[in-house]
Amino acid sequence: MSTTKQHLTEFHEAAASHHLAMAKSHKKLAALFGKTESDHDKTLCEEHKAMSASHTTMGEFHTKCAKAIGVEDLSKADQLVPDKVSAVITGFPKAVPRAGQRPLDKAAENVPIEFRSLVTVEED
């Protein structure tokens, strides 16, 4: 199974290839329509030139994206980011009763014996 990084790289490479092929095709069509004298064909020539430029821009964008994904700096996303939150819990967390809640030590009486260790609160 491929990773997300590999999948995105393959996608951007395929998209770049597609856009560059389409740009080449539109450029050929623009040259073909540019050879005629008809106003309609001149309009089509300009449209194909614009489409060629658009596909070229998108092809270059996807090429840059594919290269950027290959950069090792993006693998830093898998590393822990230092912050002020501790990811280590020392000891077991304490239960904090809500206002109006019956005492937690009495609640353990209703739990079957084999599970009481899960709900008992030990005082420090």
PDB file of N, CA and C in Angstrom:
ATOM      1  N   MET A   1       0.849  -1.183   0.000  1.00  0.00           N
ATOM      2  CA  MET A   1       0.000   0.000   0.000  1.00  0.00           C
ATOM      3  C   MET A   1       0.890   1.240   0.000  1.00  0.00           C
ATOM      4  N   SER A   2       0.547   2.171  -0.840  1.00  0.00           N
ATOM      5  CA  SER A   2       1.373   3.373  -0.946  1.00  0.00           C
ATOM      6  C   SER A   2       0.999   4.380   0.141  1.00  0.00           C
ATOM      7  N   THR A   3       1.946   5.242   0.431  1.00  0.00           N
ATOM      8  CA  THR A   3       1.709   6.274   1.432  1.00  0.00           C
ATOM      9  C   THR A   3       1.009   7.458   0.775  1.00  0.00           C
ATOM     10  N   THR A   4       0.528   8.361   1.594  1.00  0.00           N
ATOM     11  CA  THR A   4      -0.127   9.562   1.078  1.00  0.00           C
ATOM     12  C   THR A   4       0.865  10.377   0.257  1.00  0.00           C
ATOM     13  N   LYS A   5       2.096  10.426   0.736  1.00  0.00           N
ATOM     14  CA  LYS A   5       3.140  11.178   0.038  1.00  0.00           C
ATOM     15  C   LYS A   5       3.358  10.612  -1.366  1.00  0.00           C
ATOM     16  N   GLN A   6       3.427   9.276  -1.479  1.00  0.00           N
ATOM     17  CA  GLN A   6       3.606   8.649  -2.785  1.00  0.00           C
ATOM     18  C   GLN A   6       2.393   8.883  -3.673  1.00  0.00           C
ATOM     19  N   HIS A   7       1.204   8.770  -3.095  1.00  0.00           N
ATOM     20  CA  HIS A   7      -0.023   8.979  -3.863  1.00  0.00           C
ATOM     21  C   HIS A   7      -0.092  10.400  -4.419  1.00  0.00           C
ATOM     22  N   LEU A   8       0.211  11.387  -3.577  1.00  0.00           N
ATOM     23  CA  LEU A   8       0.171  12.781  -4.037  1.00  0.00           C
ATOM     24  C   LEU A   8       1.233  13.048  -5.098  1.00  0.00           C
ATOM     25  N   THR A   9       2.406  12.453  -4.938  1.00  0.00           N
ATOM     26  CA  THR A   9       3.459  12.629  -5.938  1.00  0.00           C
ATOM     27  C   THR A   9       3.009  12.065  -7.278  1.00  0.00           C
ATOM     28  N   GLU A  10       2.431  10.851  -7.251  1.00  0.00           N
ATOM     29  CA  GLU A  10       1.936  10.235  -8.494  1.00  0.00           C
ATOM     30  C   GLU A  10       0.826  11.074  -9.121  1.00  0.00           C
ATOM     31  N   PHE A  11      -0.073  11.593  -8.291  1.00  0.00           N
ATOM     32  CA  PHE A  11      -1.159  12.420  -8.813  1.00  0.00           C
ATOM     33  C   PHE A  11      -0.624  13.663  -9.505  1.00  0.00           C
ATOM     34  N   HIS A  12       0.282  14.381  -8.828  1.00  0.00           N
ATOM     35  CA  HIS A  12       0.798  15.625  -9.407  1.00  0.00           C
ATOM     36  C   HIS A  12       1.629  15.356 -10.664  1.00  0.00           C
ATOM     37  N   GLU A  13       2.349  14.246 -10.697  1.00  0.00           N
ATOM     38  CA  GLU A  13       3.100  13.909 -11.910  1.00  0.00           C
ATOM     39  C   GLU A  13       2.149  13.616 -13.066  1.00  0.00           C
ATOM     40  N   ALA A  14       1.067  12.862 -12.786  1.00  0.00           N
ATOM     41  CA  ALA A  14       0.087  12.549 -13.830  1.00  0.00           C
ATOM     42  C   ALA A  14      -0.635  13.812 -14.300  1.00  0.00           C
ATOM     43  N   ALA A  15      -0.999  14.677 -13.362  1.00  0.00           N
ATOM     44  CA  ALA A  15      -1.688  15.923 -13.726  1.00  0.00           C
ATOM     45  C   ALA A  15      -0.767  16.819 -14.550  1.00  0.00           C
ATOM     46  N   ALA A  16       0.501  16.891 -14.175  1.00  0.00           N
ATOM     47  CA  ALA A  16       1.457  17.708 -14.930  1.00  0.00           C
ATOM     48  C   ALA A  16       1.606  17.167 -16.343  1.00  0.00           C
ATOM     49  N   SER A  17       1.724  15.855 -16.463  1.00  0.00           N
ATOM     50  CA  SER A  17       1.851  15.230 -17.783  1.00  0.00           C
ATOM     51  C   SER A  17       0.624  15.528 -18.640  1.00  0.00           C
ATOM     52  N   HIS A  18      -0.557  15.403 -18.052  1.00  0.00           N
ATOM     53  CA  HIS A  18      -1.803  15.681 -18.776  1.00  0.00           C
ATOM     54  C   HIS A  18      -1.856  17.130 -19.250  1.00  0.00           C
ATOM     55  N   HIS A  19      -1.589  18.061 -18.350  1.00  0.00           N
ATOM     56  CA  HIS A  19      -1.684  19.481 -18.710  1.00  0.00           C
ATOM     57  C   HIS A  19      -0.648  19.870 -19.763  1.00  0.00           C
ATOM     58  N   LEU A  20       0.547  19.328 -19.668  1.00  0.00           N
ATOM     59  CA  LEU A  20       1.573  19.662 -20.661  1.00  0.00           C
ATOM     60  C   LEU A  20       1.223  19.064 -22.026  1.00  0.00           C
ATOM     61  N   ALA A  21       0.618  17.868 -22.040  1.00  0.00           N
ATOM     62  CA  ALA A  21       0.175  17.273 -23.306  1.00  0.00           C
ATOM     63  C   ALA A  21      -0.956  18.096 -23.919  1.00  0.00           C
ATOM     64  N   MET A  22      -1.883  18.548 -23.080  1.00  0.00           N
ATOM     65  CA  MET A  22      -2.989  19.374 -23.578  1.00  0.00           C
ATOM     66  C   MET A  22      -2.475  20.719 -24.090  1.00  0.00           C
ATOM     67  N   ALA A  23      -1.484  21.289 -23.424  1.00  0.00           N
ATOM     68  CA  ALA A  23      -0.906  22.564 -23.876  1.00  0.00           C
ATOM     69  C   ALA A  23      -0.280  22.394 -25.260  1.00  0.00           C
ATOM     70  N   LYS A  24       0.414  21.285 -25.438  1.00  0.00           N
ATOM     71  CA  LYS A  24       1.051  21.003 -26.733  1.00  0.00           C
ATOM     72  C   LYS A  24      -0.012  20.844 -27.824  1.00  0.00           C
ATOM     73  N   SER A  25      -1.096  20.147 -27.506  1.00  0.00           N
ATOM     74  CA  SER A  25      -2.174  19.937 -28.472  1.00  0.00           C
ATOM     75  C   SER A  25      -2.857  21.255 -28.836  1.00  0.00           C
ATOM     76  N   HIS A  26      -3.142  22.079 -27.843  1.00  0.00           N
ATOM     77  CA  HIS A  26      -3.773  23.380 -28.120  1.00  0.00           C
ATOM     78  C   HIS A  26      -2.846  24.286 -28.919  1.00  0.00           C
ATOM     79  N   LYS A  27      -1.557  24.175 -28.671  1.00  0.00           N
ATOM     80  CA  LYS A  27      -0.598  24.992 -29.418  1.00  0.00           C
ATOM     81  C   LYS A  27      -0.608  24.596 -30.899  1.00  0.00           C
ATOM     82  N   LYS A  28      -0.693  23.294 -31.163  1.00  0.00           N
ATOM     83  CA  LYS A  28      -0.767  22.818 -32.554  1.00  0.00           C
ATOM     84  C   LYS A  28      -2.055  23.296 -33.223  1.00  0.00           C
ATOM     85  N   LEU A  29      -3.169  23.210 -32.490  1.00  0.00           N
ATOM     86  CA  LEU A  29      -4.440  23.664 -33.055  1.00  0.00           C
ATOM     87  C   LEU A  29      -4.424  25.173 -33.305  1.00  0.00           C
ATOM     88  N   ALA A  30      -3.794  25.933 -32.419  1.00  0.00           N
ATOM     89  CA  ALA A  30      -3.689  27.383 -32.626  1.00  0.00           C
ATOM     90  C   ALA A  30      -2.887  27.675 -33.888  1.00  0.00           C
ATOM     91  N   ALA A  31      -1.815  26.934 -34.105  1.00  0.00           N
ATOM     92  CA  ALA A  31      -1.007  27.137 -35.322  1.00  0.00           C
ATOM     93  C   ALA A  31      -1.817  26.774 -36.562  1.00  0.00           C
ATOM     94  N   LEU A  32      -2.616  25.711 -36.469  1.00  0.00           N
ATOM     95  CA  LEU A  32      -3.432  25.285 -37.601  1.00  0.00           C
ATOM     96  C   LEU A  32      -4.479  26.338 -37.954  1.00  0.00           C
ATOM     97  N   PHE A  33      -5.201  26.848 -36.939  1.00  0.00           N
ATOM     98  CA  PHE A  33      -6.227  27.862 -37.196  1.00  0.00           C
ATOM     99  C   PHE A  33      -5.606  29.212 -37.541  1.00  0.00           C
ATOM    100  N   GLY A  34      -4.389  29.451 -37.154  1.00  0.00           N
ATOM    101  CA  GLY A  34      -3.725  30.717 -37.445  1.00  0.00           C
ATOM    102  C   GLY A  34      -3.337  30.865 -38.906  1.00  0.00           C
ATOM    103  N   LYS A  35      -3.258  29.756 -39.628  1.00  0.00           N
ATOM    104  CA  LYS A  35      -2.858  29.788 -41.045  1.00  0.00           C
ATOM    105  C   LYS A  35      -3.987  30.214 -41.973  1.00  0.00           C
ATOM    106  N   THR A  36      -5.222  30.184 -41.482  1.00  0.00           N
ATOM    107  CA  THR A  36      -6.354  30.510 -42.351  1.00  0.00           C
ATOM    108  C   THR A  36      -6.660  32.004 -42.291  1.00  0.00           C
ATOM    109  N   GLU A  37      -7.522  32.448 -43.206  1.00  0.00           N
ATOM    110  CA  GLU A  37      -7.857  33.870 -43.310  1.00  0.00           C
ATOM    111  C   GLU A  37      -9.188  34.215 -42.651  1.00  0.00           C
ATOM    112  N   SER A  38      -9.962  33.237 -42.268  1.00  0.00           N
ATOM    113  CA  SER A  38     -11.299  33.460 -41.717  1.00  0.00           C
ATOM    114  C   SER A  38     -11.222  34.112 -40.331  1.00  0.00           C
ATOM    115  N   ASP A  39     -12.161  35.045 -40.070  1.00  0.00           N
ATOM    116  CA  ASP A  39     -12.226  35.683 -38.752  1.00  0.00           C
ATOM    117  C   ASP A  39     -12.584  34.663 -37.665  1.00  0.00           C
ATOM    118  N   HIS A  40     -13.450  33.744 -38.025  1.00  0.00           N
ATOM    119  CA  HIS A  40     -13.845  32.695 -37.086  1.00  0.00           C
ATOM    120  C   HIS A  40     -12.627  31.838 -36.706  1.00  0.00           C
ATOM    121  N   ASP A  41     -11.819  31.507 -37.684  1.00  0.00           N
ATOM    122  CA  ASP A  41     -10.625  30.710 -37.419  1.00  0.00           C
ATOM    123  C   ASP A  41      -9.598  31.490 -36.608  1.00  0.00           C
ATOM    124  N   LYS A  42      -9.510  32.796 -36.814  1.00  0.00           N
ATOM    125  CA  LYS A  42      -8.595  33.629 -36.025  1.00  0.00           C
ATOM    126  C   LYS A  42      -9.036  33.631 -34.544  1.00  0.00           C
ATOM    127  N   THR A  43     -10.370  33.689 -34.350  1.00  0.00           N
ATOM    128  CA  THR A  43     -10.896  33.639 -32.985  1.00  0.00           C
ATOM    129  C   THR A  43     -10.549  32.306 -32.332  1.00  0.00           C
ATOM    130  N   LEU A  44     -10.711  31.223 -33.090  1.00  0.00           N
ATOM    131  CA  LEU A  44     -10.359  29.897 -32.567  1.00  0.00           C
ATOM    132  C   LEU A  44      -8.858  29.810 -32.273  1.00  0.00           C
ATOM    133  N   CYS A  45      -8.062  30.444 -33.118  1.00  0.00           N
ATOM    134  CA  CYS A  45      -6.612  30.463 -32.902  1.00  0.00           C
ATOM    135  C   CYS A  45      -6.287  31.119 -31.565  1.00  0.00           C
ATOM    136  N   GLU A  46      -6.901  32.254 -31.289  1.00  0.00           N
ATOM    137  CA  GLU A  46      -6.658  32.962 -30.033  1.00  0.00           C
ATOM    138  C   GLU A  46      -7.138  32.152 -28.825  1.00  0.00           C
ATOM    139  N   GLU A  47      -8.284  31.499 -28.974  1.00  0.00           N
ATOM    140  CA  GLU A  47      -8.806  30.665 -27.888  1.00  0.00           C
ATOM    141  C   GLU A  47      -7.862  29.503 -27.578  1.00  0.00           C
ATOM    142  N   HIS A  48      -7.344  28.873 -28.632  1.00  0.00           N
ATOM    143  CA  HIS A  48      -6.417  27.751 -28.429  1.00  0.00           C
ATOM    144  C   HIS A  48      -5.090  28.227 -27.829  1.00  0.00           C
ATOM    145  N   LYS A  49      -4.664  29.423 -28.179  1.00  0.00           N
ATOM    146  CA  LYS A  49      -3.453  29.974 -27.566  1.00  0.00           C
ATOM    147  C   LYS A  49      -3.670  30.195 -26.059  1.00  0.00           C
ATOM    148  N   ALA A  50      -4.854  30.731 -25.718  1.00  0.00           N
ATOM    149  CA  ALA A  50      -5.169  30.962 -24.307  1.00  0.00           C
ATOM    150  C   ALA A  50      -5.251  29.637 -23.548  1.00  0.00           C
ATOM    151  N   MET A  51      -5.869  28.638 -24.156  1.00  0.00           N
ATOM    152  CA  MET A  51      -5.965  27.321 -23.507  1.00  0.00           C
ATOM    153  C   MET A  51      -4.582  26.689 -23.354  1.00  0.00           C
ATOM    154  N   SER A  52      -3.725  26.879 -24.338  1.00  0.00           N
ATOM    155  CA  SER A  52      -2.364  26.357 -24.258  1.00  0.00           C
ATOM    156  C   SER A  52      -1.607  27.005 -23.104  1.00  0.00           C
ATOM    157  N   ALA A  53      -1.755  28.312 -22.972  1.00  0.00           N
ATOM    158  CA  ALA A  53      -1.092  29.023 -21.880  1.00  0.00           C
ATOM    159  C   ALA A  53      -1.628  28.562 -20.522  1.00  0.00           C
ATOM    160  N   SER A  54      -2.934  28.374 -20.435  1.00  0.00           N
ATOM    161  CA  SER A  54      -3.544  27.917 -19.187  1.00  0.00           C
ATOM    162  C   SER A  54      -3.037  26.526 -18.803  1.00  0.00           C
ATOM    163  N   HIS A  55      -3.018  25.610 -19.757  1.00  0.00           N
ATOM    164  CA  HIS A  55      -2.539  24.250 -19.479  1.00  0.00           C
ATOM    165  C   HIS A  55      -1.041  24.244 -19.144  1.00  0.00           C
ATOM    166  N   THR A  56      -0.278  25.118 -19.784  1.00  0.00           N
ATOM    167  CA  THR A  56       1.149  25.209 -19.475  1.00  0.00           C
ATOM    168  C   THR A  56       1.347  25.656 -18.022  1.00  0.00           C
ATOM    169  N   THR A  57       0.578  26.662 -17.609  1.00  0.00           N
ATOM    170  CA  THR A  57       0.660  27.158 -16.234  1.00  0.00           C
ATOM    171  C   THR A  57       0.306  26.055 -15.236  1.00  0.00           C
ATOM    172  N   MET A  58      -0.776  25.333 -15.505  1.00  0.00           N
ATOM    173  CA  MET A  58      -1.189  24.258 -14.604  1.00  0.00           C
ATOM    174  C   MET A  58      -0.172  23.113 -14.602  1.00  0.00           C
ATOM    175  N   GLY A  59       0.407  22.808 -15.761  1.00  0.00           N
ATOM    176  CA  GLY A  59       1.431  21.768 -15.828  1.00  0.00           C
ATOM    177  C   GLY A  59       2.646  22.128 -14.997  1.00  0.00           C
ATOM    178  N   GLU A  60       3.063  23.396 -15.075  1.00  0.00           N
ATOM    179  CA  GLU A  60       4.207  23.852 -14.276  1.00  0.00           C
ATOM    180  C   GLU A  60       3.869  23.817 -12.782  1.00  0.00           C
ATOM    181  N   PHE A  61       2.636  24.185 -12.437  1.00  0.00           N
ATOM    182  CA  PHE A  61       2.204  24.145 -11.038  1.00  0.00           C
ATOM    183  C   PHE A  61       2.281  22.720 -10.488  1.00  0.00           C
ATOM    184  N   HIS A  62       1.726  21.758 -11.230  1.00  0.00           N
ATOM    185  CA  HIS A  62       1.734  20.369 -10.762  1.00  0.00           C
ATOM    186  C   HIS A  62       3.150  19.798 -10.720  1.00  0.00           C
ATOM    187  N   THR A  63       4.013  20.232 -11.617  1.00  0.00           N
ATOM    188  CA  THR A  63       5.413  19.790 -11.588  1.00  0.00           C
ATOM    189  C   THR A  63       6.081  20.287 -10.307  1.00  0.00           C
ATOM    190  N   LYS A  64       5.848  21.558  -9.957  1.00  0.00           N
ATOM    191  CA  LYS A  64       6.414  22.110  -8.715  1.00  0.00           C
ATOM    192  C   LYS A  64       5.874  21.375  -7.496  1.00  0.00           C
ATOM    193  N   CYS A  65       4.586  21.052  -7.514  1.00  0.00           N
ATOM    194  CA  CYS A  65       3.983  20.332  -6.385  1.00  0.00           C
ATOM    195  C   CYS A  65       4.597  18.945  -6.228  1.00  0.00           C
ATOM    196  N   ALA A  66       4.787  18.250  -7.345  1.00  0.00           N
ATOM    197  CA  ALA A  66       5.372  16.908  -7.287  1.00  0.00           C
ATOM    198  C   ALA A  66       6.791  16.964  -6.732  1.00  0.00           C
ATOM    199  N   LYS A  67       7.541  17.991  -7.118  1.00  0.00           N
ATOM    200  CA  LYS A  67       8.905  18.137  -6.604  1.00  0.00           C
ATOM    201  C   LYS A  67       8.895  18.513  -5.130  1.00  0.00           C
ATOM    202  N   ALA A  68       7.957  19.363  -4.726  1.00  0.00           N
ATOM    203  CA  ALA A  68       7.889  19.797  -3.331  1.00  0.00           C
ATOM    204  C   ALA A  68       7.533  18.643  -2.403  1.00  0.00           C
ATOM    205  N   ILE A  69       6.696  17.739  -2.874  1.00  0.00           N
ATOM    206  CA  ILE A  69       6.316  16.598  -2.046  1.00  0.00           C
ATOM    207  C   ILE A  69       7.519  15.689  -1.823  1.00  0.00           C
ATOM    208  N   GLY A  70       8.408  15.626  -2.782  1.00  0.00           N
ATOM    209  CA  GLY A  70       9.587  14.783  -2.656  1.00  0.00           C
ATOM    210  C   GLY A  70      10.623  15.332  -1.693  1.00  0.00           C
ATOM    211  N   VAL A  71      10.484  16.601  -1.317  1.00  0.00           N
ATOM    212  CA  VAL A  71      11.448  17.226  -0.412  1.00  0.00           C
ATOM    213  C   VAL A  71      11.328  16.583   0.961  1.00  0.00           C
ATOM    214  N   GLU A  72      12.443  16.300   1.579  1.00  0.00           N
ATOM    215  CA  GLU A  72      12.443  15.613   2.863  1.00  0.00           C
ATOM    216  C   GLU A  72      11.911  16.477   4.009  1.00  0.00           C
ATOM    217  N   ASP A  73      11.833  17.781   3.827  1.00  0.00           N
ATOM    218  CA  ASP A  73      11.322  18.646   4.889  1.00  0.00           C
ATOM    219  C   ASP A  73       9.865  18.324   5.208  1.00  0.00           C
ATOM    220  N   LEU A  74       9.130  17.802   4.212  1.00  0.00           N
ATOM    221  CA  LEU A  74       7.734  17.486   4.461  1.00  0.00           C
ATOM    222  C   LEU A  74       7.587  16.268   5.366  1.00  0.00           C
ATOM    223  N   SER A  75       8.636  15.465   5.508  1.00  0.00           N
ATOM    224  CA  SER A  75       8.557  14.309   6.397  1.00  0.00           C
ATOM    225  C   SER A  75       8.573  14.740   7.857  1.00  0.00           C
ATOM    226  N   LYS A  76       8.857  16.002   8.111  1.00  0.00           N
ATOM    227  CA  LYS A  76       8.841  16.511   9.479  1.00  0.00           C
ATOM    228  C   LYS A  76       7.430  16.535  10.043  1.00  0.00           C
ATOM    229  N   ALA A  77       6.440  16.393   9.180  1.00  0.00           N
ATOM    230  CA  ALA A  77       5.054  16.383   9.654  1.00  0.00           C
ATOM    231  C   ALA A  77       4.795  15.180  10.553  1.00  0.00           C
ATOM    232  N   ASP A  78       5.610  14.127  10.431  1.00  0.00           N
ATOM    233  CA  ASP A  78       5.436  12.938  11.255  1.00  0.00           C
ATOM    234  C   ASP A  78       6.091  13.077  12.625  1.00  0.00           C
ATOM    235  N   GLN A  79       6.843  14.141  12.834  1.00  0.00           N
ATOM    236  CA  GLN A  79       7.561  14.312  14.091  1.00  0.00           C
ATOM    237  C   GLN A  79       6.716  15.119  15.080  1.00  0.00           C
ATOM    238  N   LEU A  80       7.017  14.950  16.356  1.00  0.00           N
ATOM    239  CA  LEU A  80       6.322  15.727  17.377  1.00  0.00           C
ATOM    240  C   LEU A  80       6.780  17.179  17.335  1.00  0.00           C
ATOM    241  N   VAL A  81       5.839  18.068  17.512  1.00  0.00           N
ATOM    242  CA  VAL A  81       6.142  19.492  17.536  1.00  0.00           C
ATOM    243  C   VAL A  81       6.230  19.917  18.997  1.00  0.00           C
ATOM    244  N   PRO A  82       7.339  20.558  19.393  1.00  0.00           N
ATOM    245  CA  PRO A  82       7.430  20.975  20.795  1.00  0.00           C
ATOM    246  C   PRO A  82       6.382  22.043  21.112  1.00  0.00           C
ATOM    247  N   ASP A  83       5.675  21.831  22.195  1.00  0.00           N
ATOM    248  CA  ASP A  83       4.702  22.815  22.659  1.00  0.00           C
ATOM    249  C   ASP A  83       4.656  22.761  24.178  1.00  0.00           C
ATOM    250  N   LYS A  84       3.750  23.476  24.750  1.00  0.00           N
ATOM    251  CA  LYS A  84       3.693  23.542  26.213  1.00  0.00           C
ATOM    252  C   LYS A  84       2.765  22.487  26.798  1.00  0.00           C
ATOM    253  N   VAL A  85       2.283  21.566  25.994  1.00  0.00           N
ATOM    254  CA  VAL A  85       1.404  20.510  26.462  1.00  0.00           C
ATOM    255  C   VAL A  85       2.232  19.252  26.659  1.00  0.00           C
ATOM    256  N   SER A  86       2.151  18.665  27.825  1.00  0.00           N
ATOM    257  CA  SER A  86       2.899  17.453  28.111  1.00  0.00           C
ATOM    258  C   SER A  86       2.167  16.253  27.530  1.00  0.00           C
ATOM    259  N   ALA A  87       2.868  15.429  26.794  1.00  0.00           N
ATOM    260  CA  ALA A  87       2.281  14.230  26.222  1.00  0.00           C
ATOM    261  C   ALA A  87       2.477  13.042  27.153  1.00  0.00           C
ATOM    262  N   VAL A  88       3.142  13.245  28.278  1.00  0.00           N
ATOM    263  CA  VAL A  88       3.421  12.173  29.220  1.00  0.00           C
ATOM    264  C   VAL A  88       2.536  12.361  30.449  1.00  0.00           C
ATOM    265  N   ILE A  89       1.829  11.307  30.831  1.00  0.00           N
ATOM    266  CA  ILE A  89       0.994  11.356  32.020  1.00  0.00           C
ATOM    267  C   ILE A  89       1.735  10.622  33.118  1.00  0.00           C
ATOM    268  N   THR A  90       1.977  11.305  34.203  1.00  0.00           N
ATOM    269  CA  THR A  90       2.642  10.660  35.329  1.00  0.00           C
ATOM    270  C   THR A  90       1.574  10.102  36.254  1.00  0.00           C
ATOM    271  N   GLY A  91       1.631   8.826  36.534  1.00  0.00           N
ATOM    272  CA  GLY A  91       0.618   8.195  37.363  1.00  0.00           C
ATOM    273  C   GLY A  91      -0.689   8.071  36.609  1.00  0.00           C
ATOM    274  N   PHE A  92      -1.741   7.789  37.318  1.00  0.00           N
ATOM    275  CA  PHE A  92      -3.048   7.668  36.690  1.00  0.00           C
ATOM    276  C   PHE A  92      -3.807   8.972  36.851  1.00  0.00           C
ATOM    277  N   PRO A  93      -4.610   9.341  35.871  1.00  0.00           N
ATOM    278  CA  PRO A  93      -5.391  10.564  36.008  1.00  0.00           C
ATOM    279  C   PRO A  93      -6.431  10.416  37.113  1.00  0.00           C
ATOM    280  N   LYS A  94      -6.721  11.491  37.797  1.00  0.00           N
ATOM    281  CA  LYS A  94      -7.703  11.481  38.873  1.00  0.00           C
ATOM    282  C   LYS A  94      -9.073  11.853  38.328  1.00  0.00           C
ATOM    283  N   ALA A  95     -10.084  11.206  38.855  1.00  0.00           N
ATOM    284  CA  ALA A  95     -11.450  11.551  38.490  1.00  0.00           C
ATOM    285  C   ALA A  95     -11.850  12.804  39.261  1.00  0.00           C
ATOM    286  N   VAL A  96     -12.485  13.729  38.598  1.00  0.00           N
ATOM    287  CA  VAL A  96     -12.957  14.951  39.231  1.00  0.00           C
ATOM    288  C   VAL A  96     -14.476  14.899  39.235  1.00  0.00           C
ATOM    289  N   PRO A  97     -15.089  14.784  40.402  1.00  0.00           N
ATOM    290  CA  PRO A  97     -16.550  14.669  40.442  1.00  0.00           C
ATOM    291  C   PRO A  97     -17.218  15.983  40.042  1.00  0.00           C
ATOM    292  N   ARG A  98     -18.351  15.868  39.385  1.00  0.00           N
ATOM    293  CA  ARG A  98     -19.138  17.038  39.001  1.00  0.00           C
ATOM    294  C   ARG A  98     -20.003  17.474  40.173  1.00  0.00           C
ATOM    295  N   ALA A  99     -20.473  18.699  40.123  1.00  0.00           N
ATOM    296  CA  ALA A  99     -21.345  19.217  41.189  1.00  0.00           C
ATOM    297  C   ALA A  99     -22.631  18.403  41.228  1.00  0.00           C
ATOM    298  N   GLY A 100     -23.007  17.924  42.405  1.00  0.00           N
ATOM    299  CA  GLY A 100     -24.235  17.158  42.559  1.00  0.00           C
ATOM    300  C   GLY A 100     -24.074  15.680  42.300  1.00  0.00           C
ATOM    301  N   GLN A 101     -22.912  15.244  41.875  1.00  0.00           N
ATOM    302  CA  GLN A 101     -22.681  13.834  41.597  1.00  0.00           C
ATOM    303  C   GLN A 101     -22.468  13.094  42.912  1.00  0.00           C
ATOM    304  N   ARG A 102     -22.966  11.858  42.983  1.00  0.00           N
ATOM    305  CA  ARG A 102     -22.751  11.096  44.209  1.00  0.00           C
ATOM    306  C   ARG A 102     -21.267  10.754  44.318  1.00  0.00           C
ATOM    307  N   PRO A 103     -20.775  10.537  45.487  1.00  0.00           N
ATOM    308  CA  PRO A 103     -19.347  10.252  45.676  1.00  0.00           C
ATOM    309  C   PRO A 103     -18.891   9.041  44.862  1.00  0.00           C
ATOM    310  N   LEU A 104     -17.689   9.153  44.309  1.00  0.00           N
ATOM    311  CA  LEU A 104     -17.184   8.102  43.430  1.00  0.00           C
ATOM    312  C   LEU A 104     -16.936   6.786  44.165  1.00  0.00           C
ATOM    313  N   ASP A 105     -16.570   6.832  45.425  1.00  0.00           N
ATOM    314  CA  ASP A 105     -16.313   5.586  46.135  1.00  0.00           C
ATOM    315  C   ASP A 105     -17.599   4.774  46.310  1.00  0.00           C
ATOM    316  N   LYS A 106     -18.753   5.435  46.387  1.00  0.00           N
ATOM    317  CA  LYS A 106     -20.044   4.735  46.491  1.00  0.00           C
ATOM    318  C   LYS A 106     -20.469   4.188  45.126  1.00  0.00           C
ATOM    319  N   ALA A 107     -20.075   4.847  44.052  1.00  0.00           N
ATOM    320  CA  ALA A 107     -20.436   4.397  42.718  1.00  0.00           C
ATOM    321  C   ALA A 107     -19.783   3.062  42.398  1.00  0.00           C
ATOM    322  N   ALA A 108     -18.635   2.787  42.986  1.00  0.00           N
ATOM    323  CA  ALA A 108     -17.925   1.538  42.717  1.00  0.00           C
ATOM    324  C   ALA A 108     -18.672   0.340  43.282  1.00  0.00           C
ATOM    325  N   GLU A 109     -19.557   0.553  44.229  1.00  0.00           N
ATOM    326  CA  GLU A 109     -20.310  -0.550  44.825  1.00  0.00           C
ATOM    327  C   GLU A 109     -21.249  -1.203  43.817  1.00  0.00           C
ATOM    328  N   ASN A 110     -21.707  -0.458  42.816  1.00  0.00           N
ATOM    329  CA  ASN A 110     -22.633  -0.989  41.816  1.00  0.00           C
ATOM    330  C   ASN A 110     -21.924  -1.702  40.667  1.00  0.00           C
ATOM    331  N   VAL A 111     -20.611  -1.693  40.673  1.00  0.00           N
ATOM    332  CA  VAL A 111     -19.834  -2.298  39.590  1.00  0.00           C
ATOM    333  C   VAL A 111     -19.471  -3.723  40.004  1.00  0.00           C
ATOM    334  N   PRO A 112     -19.556  -4.695  39.074  1.00  0.00           N
ATOM    335  CA  PRO A 112     -19.156  -6.066  39.402  1.00  0.00           C
ATOM    336  C   PRO A 112     -17.723  -6.108  39.933  1.00  0.00           C
ATOM    337  N   ILE A 113     -17.437  -7.046  40.782  1.00  0.00           N
ATOM    338  CA  ILE A 113     -16.162  -7.127  41.498  1.00  0.00           C
ATOM    339  C   ILE A 113     -14.955  -7.150  40.563  1.00  0.00           C
ATOM    340  N   GLU A 114     -15.073  -7.836  39.436  1.00  0.00           N
ATOM    341  CA  GLU A 114     -13.919  -7.949  38.527  1.00  0.00           C
ATOM    342  C   GLU A 114     -13.571  -6.630  37.834  1.00  0.00           C
ATOM    343  N   PHE A 115     -14.495  -5.671  37.843  1.00  0.00           N
ATOM    344  CA  PHE A 115     -14.234  -4.392  37.187  1.00  0.00           C
ATOM    345  C   PHE A 115     -14.044  -3.242  38.178  1.00  0.00           C
ATOM    346  N   ARG A 116     -14.093  -3.506  39.440  1.00  0.00           N
ATOM    347  CA  ARG A 116     -13.995  -2.439  40.443  1.00  0.00           C
ATOM    348  C   ARG A 116     -12.652  -1.722  40.417  1.00  0.00           C
ATOM    349  N   SER A 117     -11.618  -2.432  40.043  1.00  0.00           N
ATOM    350  CA  SER A 117     -10.299  -1.780  39.998  1.00  0.00           C
ATOM    351  C   SER A 117     -10.246  -0.687  38.929  1.00  0.00           C
ATOM    352  N   LEU A 118     -11.142  -0.776  37.975  1.00  0.00           N
ATOM    353  CA  LEU A 118     -11.175   0.237  36.913  1.00  0.00           C
ATOM    354  C   LEU A 118     -11.827   1.540  37.355  1.00  0.00           C
ATOM    355  N   VAL A 119     -12.697   1.466  38.359  1.00  0.00           N
ATOM    356  CA  VAL A 119     -13.437   2.670  38.749  1.00  0.00           C
ATOM    357  C   VAL A 119     -13.082   3.169  40.142  1.00  0.00           C
ATOM    358  N   THR A 120     -12.280   2.421  40.896  1.00  0.00           N
ATOM    359  CA  THR A 120     -11.926   2.856  42.237  1.00  0.00           C
ATOM    360  C   THR A 120     -10.946   4.020  42.171  1.00  0.00           C
ATOM    361  N   VAL A 121     -11.100   4.942  43.098  1.00  0.00           N
ATOM    362  CA  VAL A 121     -10.244   6.106  43.169  1.00  0.00           C
ATOM    363  C   VAL A 121      -9.322   5.932  44.355  1.00  0.00           C
ATOM    364  N   GLU A 122      -8.029   5.991  44.084  1.00  0.00           N
ATOM    365  CA  GLU A 122      -7.058   5.881  45.163  1.00  0.00           C
ATOM    366  C   GLU A 122      -6.564   7.270  45.487  1.00  0.00           C
ATOM    367  N   GLU A 123      -6.606   7.615  46.748  1.00  0.00           N
ATOM    368  CA  GLU A 123      -6.142   8.933  47.190  1.00  0.00           C
ATOM    369  C   GLU A 123      -4.629   8.929  47.310  1.00  0.00           C
ATOM    370  N   ASP A 124      -4.012  10.049  46.963  1.00  0.00           N
ATOM    371  CA  ASP A 124      -2.544  10.164  47.062  1.00  0.00           C
ATOM    372  C   ASP A 124      -2.086  10.367  48.463  1.00  0.00           C
TER     373      ASP A 124
END
